[in-house]
Amino acid sequence: MAFQCGGGNANVPDAVYGQTWLYSYEEDSADVHTYRPNTFDFPPSRGRTGFMVQKDGTFIRYGIAPTDGLEEQPGTWQADGKNLLQIKFKDAAHEPEKIEIISALPSVLKIRRTSH
């Protein structure tokens, strides 16, 4: 499968790549989800989900594991237009999804996420 990754093909802001983004649900607004780097000083929480996007087409979603840690759910991403990523997971039990990047800075990422 050929991926349109990085640079001019995907038009994904560089700040998105290679960072472990954790869900900062306290900052959500309407249908926009807020993520912060895993180094952010989050308020106490019973666990946070997240993801990582690599330029090579690798996508890892971090779900809550049975032991309250993070469980890696590997997959791949492909550009589906400007700032749109189509995500497919290796485990068929996880539904494919789309992520629309609303804004991306090194300190905060805002997205819209939809299932297929």
N, C-alpha and C. Protein backbone atom coordinates (compact mmCIF):
# COMPACT_ATOMS: atom_id res chain seq x y z
N MET A 1 0.84 -1.17 0.00
CA MET A 1 0.00 0.00 0.00
C MET A 1 0.89 1.24 0.00
N ALA A 2 0.66 2.15 -0.88
CA ALA A 2 1.45 3.38 -0.95
C ALA A 2 0.82 4.44 -0.07
N PHE A 3 1.63 5.11 0.70
CA PHE A 3 1.14 6.15 1.59
C PHE A 3 1.58 7.50 1.08
N GLN A 4 0.70 8.46 1.21
CA GLN A 4 1.05 9.85 0.92
C GLN A 4 1.38 10.47 2.26
N CYS A 5 2.63 10.47 2.60
CA CYS A 5 3.03 10.91 3.92
C CYS A 5 3.91 12.13 3.85
N GLY A 6 3.80 12.95 4.85
CA GLY A 6 4.71 14.06 5.05
C GLY A 6 4.71 15.08 3.93
N GLY A 7 5.51 16.10 4.11
CA GLY A 7 5.75 17.12 3.10
C GLY A 7 4.50 17.64 2.42
N GLY A 8 4.61 17.91 1.13
CA GLY A 8 3.53 18.50 0.36
C GLY A 8 2.40 17.55 0.06
N ASN A 9 2.63 16.23 0.09
CA ASN A 9 1.58 15.30 -0.27
C ASN A 9 0.43 15.29 0.73
N ALA A 10 0.76 15.19 2.00
CA ALA A 10 -0.28 15.07 3.01
C ALA A 10 -0.74 16.41 3.54
N ASN A 11 0.12 17.44 3.44
CA ASN A 11 -0.20 18.74 4.01
C ASN A 11 -0.54 18.64 5.49
N VAL A 12 0.15 17.75 6.19
CA VAL A 12 -0.01 17.59 7.63
C VAL A 12 1.05 18.45 8.30
N PRO A 13 0.68 19.30 9.24
CA PRO A 13 1.68 20.13 9.92
C PRO A 13 2.77 19.27 10.58
N ASP A 14 4.02 19.69 10.46
CA ASP A 14 5.14 18.94 11.02
C ASP A 14 5.00 18.70 12.52
N ALA A 15 4.34 19.60 13.25
CA ALA A 15 4.20 19.45 14.70
C ALA A 15 3.47 18.17 15.09
N VAL A 16 2.70 17.59 14.17
CA VAL A 16 1.91 16.40 14.47
C VAL A 16 2.79 15.15 14.57
N TYR A 17 3.82 15.09 13.74
CA TYR A 17 4.61 13.86 13.61
C TYR A 17 5.50 13.55 14.81
N GLY A 18 5.58 12.26 15.14
CA GLY A 18 6.55 11.76 16.10
C GLY A 18 6.28 12.10 17.55
N GLN A 19 5.15 12.67 17.84
CA GLN A 19 4.79 13.09 19.19
C GLN A 19 3.72 12.15 19.74
N THR A 20 3.83 11.78 21.01
CA THR A 20 2.75 11.04 21.65
C THR A 20 1.76 12.07 22.17
N TRP A 21 0.57 12.09 21.55
CA TRP A 21 -0.48 13.04 21.90
C TRP A 21 -1.48 12.35 22.82
N LEU A 22 -1.74 12.97 23.97
CA LEU A 22 -2.73 12.43 24.91
C LEU A 22 -3.93 13.35 24.98
N TYR A 23 -5.09 12.73 25.14
CA TYR A 23 -6.37 13.42 25.12
C TYR A 23 -6.53 14.33 26.33
N SER A 24 -6.72 15.60 26.09
CA SER A 24 -6.95 16.60 27.14
C SER A 24 -8.42 17.00 27.09
N TYR A 25 -9.28 16.07 27.51
CA TYR A 25 -10.73 16.24 27.36
C TYR A 25 -11.25 17.48 28.09
N GLU A 26 -10.52 17.96 29.09
CA GLU A 26 -10.95 19.15 29.82
C GLU A 26 -10.99 20.38 28.91
N GLU A 27 -10.28 20.33 27.79
CA GLU A 27 -10.18 21.49 26.90
C GLU A 27 -11.04 21.36 25.64
N ASP A 28 -11.86 20.32 25.56
CA ASP A 28 -12.70 20.11 24.38
C ASP A 28 -13.71 21.24 24.20
N SER A 29 -14.13 21.43 22.96
CA SER A 29 -15.21 22.35 22.65
C SER A 29 -16.01 21.77 21.50
N ALA A 30 -17.31 21.66 21.69
CA ALA A 30 -18.23 21.11 20.67
C ALA A 30 -17.67 19.79 20.14
N ASP A 31 -17.39 19.72 18.84
CA ASP A 31 -16.92 18.46 18.24
C ASP A 31 -15.41 18.44 18.03
N VAL A 32 -14.70 19.38 18.63
CA VAL A 32 -13.24 19.46 18.50
C VAL A 32 -12.59 18.87 19.74
N HIS A 33 -11.70 17.89 19.52
CA HIS A 33 -10.98 17.23 20.61
C HIS A 33 -9.59 17.84 20.73
N THR A 34 -9.15 18.02 21.96
CA THR A 34 -7.85 18.63 22.25
C THR A 34 -6.88 17.58 22.75
N TYR A 35 -5.67 17.61 22.21
CA TYR A 35 -4.60 16.69 22.63
C TYR A 35 -3.37 17.51 23.00
N ARG A 36 -2.64 17.00 23.96
CA ARG A 36 -1.40 17.63 24.42
C ARG A 36 -0.28 16.59 24.38
N PRO A 37 0.99 17.04 24.26
CA PRO A 37 2.10 16.08 24.31
C PRO A 37 2.09 15.34 25.64
N ASN A 38 2.62 14.11 25.64
CA ASN A 38 2.62 13.31 26.87
C ASN A 38 3.48 13.94 27.97
N THR A 39 4.26 14.96 27.65
CA THR A 39 5.08 15.65 28.65
C THR A 39 4.31 16.78 29.35
N PHE A 40 3.09 17.05 28.89
CA PHE A 40 2.26 18.11 29.47
C PHE A 40 1.89 17.75 30.91
N ASP A 41 1.75 18.75 31.76
CA ASP A 41 1.37 18.55 33.16
C ASP A 41 -0.16 18.49 33.26
N PHE A 42 -0.72 17.32 32.98
CA PHE A 42 -2.17 17.13 33.01
C PHE A 42 -2.69 17.11 34.44
N PRO A 43 -3.95 17.53 34.63
CA PRO A 43 -4.57 17.33 35.94
C PRO A 43 -4.79 15.83 36.17
N PRO A 44 -5.00 15.42 37.41
CA PRO A 44 -5.22 13.99 37.68
C PRO A 44 -6.39 13.45 36.85
N SER A 45 -6.23 12.20 36.41
CA SER A 45 -7.25 11.55 35.58
C SER A 45 -7.14 10.05 35.78
N ARG A 46 -8.20 9.35 35.51
CA ARG A 46 -8.18 7.89 35.63
C ARG A 46 -7.55 7.23 34.40
N GLY A 47 -6.96 7.97 33.56
CA GLY A 47 -6.32 7.45 32.35
C GLY A 47 -6.62 8.34 31.17
N ARG A 48 -5.70 8.35 30.24
CA ARG A 48 -5.87 9.18 29.04
C ARG A 48 -5.52 8.35 27.81
N THR A 49 -6.36 8.46 26.81
CA THR A 49 -6.08 7.82 25.54
C THR A 49 -5.24 8.78 24.70
N GLY A 50 -4.71 8.28 23.60
CA GLY A 50 -3.91 9.14 22.74
C GLY A 50 -3.50 8.44 21.46
N PHE A 51 -2.55 9.05 20.76
CA PHE A 51 -2.07 8.47 19.51
C PHE A 51 -0.73 9.08 19.12
N MET A 52 -0.09 8.42 18.14
CA MET A 52 1.14 8.93 17.54
C MET A 52 1.05 8.73 16.03
N VAL A 53 1.48 9.75 15.28
CA VAL A 53 1.52 9.70 13.82
C VAL A 53 2.98 9.80 13.39
N GLN A 54 3.44 8.86 12.59
CA GLN A 54 4.80 8.89 12.06
C GLN A 54 4.75 9.23 10.58
N LYS A 55 5.80 9.88 10.08
CA LYS A 55 5.84 10.27 8.66
C LYS A 55 5.84 9.07 7.73
N ASP A 56 6.27 7.90 8.21
CA ASP A 56 6.35 6.71 7.36
C ASP A 56 5.02 6.00 7.16
N GLY A 57 3.92 6.56 7.69
CA GLY A 57 2.62 5.95 7.53
C GLY A 57 2.17 5.12 8.72
N THR A 58 3.00 5.06 9.76
CA THR A 58 2.65 4.33 10.98
C THR A 58 1.74 5.18 11.85
N PHE A 59 0.72 4.55 12.40
CA PHE A 59 -0.18 5.19 13.34
C PHE A 59 -0.32 4.26 14.54
N ILE A 60 -0.22 4.81 15.74
CA ILE A 60 -0.42 4.02 16.96
C ILE A 60 -1.45 4.74 17.81
N ARG A 61 -2.53 4.05 18.10
CA ARG A 61 -3.52 4.59 19.03
C ARG A 61 -3.20 3.98 20.39
N TYR A 62 -3.30 4.80 21.43
CA TYR A 62 -3.07 4.35 22.79
C TYR A 62 -4.41 4.31 23.50
N GLY A 63 -4.85 3.09 23.81
CA GLY A 63 -6.09 2.91 24.55
C GLY A 63 -5.77 2.58 26.00
N ILE A 64 -6.79 2.56 26.84
CA ILE A 64 -6.60 2.23 28.24
C ILE A 64 -6.53 0.70 28.35
N ALA A 65 -5.43 0.21 28.90
CA ALA A 65 -5.23 -1.23 29.08
C ALA A 65 -6.00 -1.70 30.32
N PRO A 66 -6.24 -3.01 30.42
CA PRO A 66 -6.96 -3.53 31.60
C PRO A 66 -6.28 -3.17 32.93
N THR A 67 -4.98 -2.93 32.90
CA THR A 67 -4.25 -2.58 34.13
C THR A 67 -4.11 -1.07 34.30
N ASP A 68 -4.91 -0.29 33.58
CA ASP A 68 -4.93 1.17 33.63
C ASP A 68 -3.73 1.83 32.96
N GLY A 69 -2.84 1.07 32.37
CA GLY A 69 -1.75 1.65 31.60
C GLY A 69 -2.24 1.93 30.18
N LEU A 70 -1.30 2.19 29.28
CA LEU A 70 -1.67 2.41 27.88
C LEU A 70 -1.41 1.15 27.07
N GLU A 71 -2.33 0.84 26.19
CA GLU A 71 -2.23 -0.33 25.32
C GLU A 71 -2.08 0.17 23.89
N GLU A 72 -1.02 -0.25 23.22
CA GLU A 72 -0.78 0.17 21.83
C GLU A 72 -1.71 -0.57 20.88
N GLN A 73 -2.32 0.18 19.98
CA GLN A 73 -3.17 -0.38 18.94
C GLN A 73 -2.59 0.10 17.60
N PRO A 74 -1.68 -0.70 17.01
CA PRO A 74 -0.98 -0.26 15.80
C PRO A 74 -1.87 -0.23 14.57
N GLY A 75 -1.50 0.67 13.68
CA GLY A 75 -2.21 0.79 12.42
C GLY A 75 -1.40 1.61 11.43
N THR A 76 -2.07 2.06 10.40
CA THR A 76 -1.44 2.88 9.37
C THR A 76 -2.34 4.07 9.07
N TRP A 77 -1.74 5.10 8.51
CA TRP A 77 -2.52 6.26 8.08
C TRP A 77 -2.19 6.58 6.64
N GLN A 78 -3.14 7.21 6.00
CA GLN A 78 -2.97 7.67 4.63
C GLN A 78 -3.65 9.02 4.51
N ALA A 79 -3.02 9.92 3.78
CA ALA A 79 -3.62 11.24 3.56
C ALA A 79 -4.90 11.08 2.75
N ASP A 80 -5.90 11.84 3.13
CA ASP A 80 -7.20 11.81 2.46
C ASP A 80 -7.65 13.24 2.21
N GLY A 81 -6.70 14.06 1.74
CA GLY A 81 -6.97 15.48 1.53
C GLY A 81 -6.15 16.29 2.51
N LYS A 82 -6.24 17.59 2.38
CA LYS A 82 -5.46 18.47 3.26
C LYS A 82 -5.91 18.31 4.71
N ASN A 83 -4.95 17.99 5.57
CA ASN A 83 -5.18 17.83 7.01
C ASN A 83 -6.19 16.73 7.36
N LEU A 84 -6.41 15.79 6.45
CA LEU A 84 -7.29 14.66 6.73
C LEU A 84 -6.48 13.38 6.69
N LEU A 85 -6.60 12.56 7.73
CA LEU A 85 -5.91 11.28 7.79
C LEU A 85 -6.92 10.16 7.87
N GLN A 86 -6.74 9.16 7.04
CA GLN A 86 -7.56 7.95 7.09
C GLN A 86 -6.76 6.91 7.86
N ILE A 87 -7.32 6.39 8.96
CA ILE A 87 -6.62 5.47 9.83
C ILE A 87 -7.22 4.08 9.68
N LYS A 88 -6.34 3.09 9.53
CA LYS A 88 -6.75 1.68 9.52
C LYS A 88 -5.90 0.95 10.54
N PHE A 89 -6.54 0.11 11.34
CA PHE A 89 -5.84 -0.62 12.39
C PHE A 89 -5.54 -2.05 11.96
N LYS A 90 -4.43 -2.59 12.46
CA LYS A 90 -4.04 -3.95 12.11
C LYS A 90 -5.03 -4.96 12.67
N ASP A 91 -5.59 -4.68 13.84
CA ASP A 91 -6.59 -5.55 14.45
C ASP A 91 -7.96 -5.15 13.90
N ALA A 92 -8.59 -6.06 13.19
CA ALA A 92 -9.88 -5.77 12.56
C ALA A 92 -10.97 -5.43 13.57
N ALA A 93 -10.75 -5.72 14.85
CA ALA A 93 -11.72 -5.38 15.88
C ALA A 93 -11.84 -3.87 16.08
N HIS A 94 -10.81 -3.12 15.65
CA HIS A 94 -10.83 -1.66 15.77
C HIS A 94 -11.30 -1.07 14.45
N GLU A 95 -12.38 -0.32 14.52
CA GLU A 95 -12.96 0.30 13.32
C GLU A 95 -12.01 1.34 12.72
N PRO A 96 -11.95 1.43 11.39
CA PRO A 96 -11.19 2.52 10.76
C PRO A 96 -11.80 3.86 11.17
N GLU A 97 -11.01 4.90 11.10
CA GLU A 97 -11.51 6.23 11.44
C GLU A 97 -10.80 7.29 10.61
N LYS A 98 -11.37 8.47 10.62
CA LYS A 98 -10.75 9.63 9.97
C LYS A 98 -10.46 10.67 11.02
N ILE A 99 -9.34 11.36 10.84
CA ILE A 99 -8.96 12.46 11.72
C ILE A 99 -8.78 13.70 10.86
N GLU A 100 -9.46 14.76 11.24
CA GLU A 100 -9.26 16.06 10.59
C GLU A 100 -8.47 16.94 11.55
N ILE A 101 -7.33 17.42 11.12
CA ILE A 101 -6.50 18.28 11.95
C ILE A 101 -7.01 19.71 11.81
N ILE A 102 -7.50 20.25 12.90
CA ILE A 102 -8.04 21.60 12.92
C ILE A 102 -6.91 22.61 13.13
N SER A 103 -6.05 22.34 14.10
CA SER A 103 -4.87 23.18 14.34
C SER A 103 -3.80 22.34 15.02
N ALA A 104 -2.54 22.68 14.75
CA ALA A 104 -1.43 21.92 15.31
C ALA A 104 -0.28 22.84 15.67
N LEU A 105 0.07 22.82 16.92
CA LEU A 105 1.24 23.51 17.44
C LEU A 105 2.03 22.48 18.24
N PRO A 106 3.30 22.70 18.51
CA PRO A 106 4.05 21.73 19.31
C PRO A 106 3.43 21.46 20.68
N SER A 107 2.66 22.41 21.22
CA SER A 107 2.10 22.26 22.56
C SER A 107 0.63 21.85 22.61
N VAL A 108 -0.08 21.90 21.48
CA VAL A 108 -1.50 21.55 21.48
C VAL A 108 -1.94 21.16 20.07
N LEU A 109 -2.78 20.11 20.02
CA LEU A 109 -3.31 19.61 18.76
C LEU A 109 -4.82 19.55 18.88
N LYS A 110 -5.53 20.11 17.90
CA LYS A 110 -6.99 20.08 17.91
C LYS A 110 -7.44 19.31 16.67
N ILE A 111 -8.31 18.32 16.90
CA ILE A 111 -8.77 17.46 15.81
C ILE A 111 -10.27 17.23 15.89
N ARG A 112 -10.81 16.76 14.77
CA ARG A 112 -12.15 16.18 14.70
C ARG A 112 -11.95 14.74 14.31
N ARG A 113 -12.59 13.84 15.01
CA ARG A 113 -12.43 12.41 14.72
C ARG A 113 -13.79 11.83 14.36
N THR A 114 -13.81 11.05 13.27
CA THR A 114 -15.05 10.40 12.85
C THR A 114 -14.77 8.96 12.51
N SER A 115 -15.71 8.08 12.75
CA SER A 115 -15.61 6.69 12.31
C SER A 115 -16.11 6.58 10.90
N HIS A 116 -15.81 5.49 10.25
CA HIS A 116 -16.32 5.27 8.89
C HIS A 116 -17.72 4.78 8.93
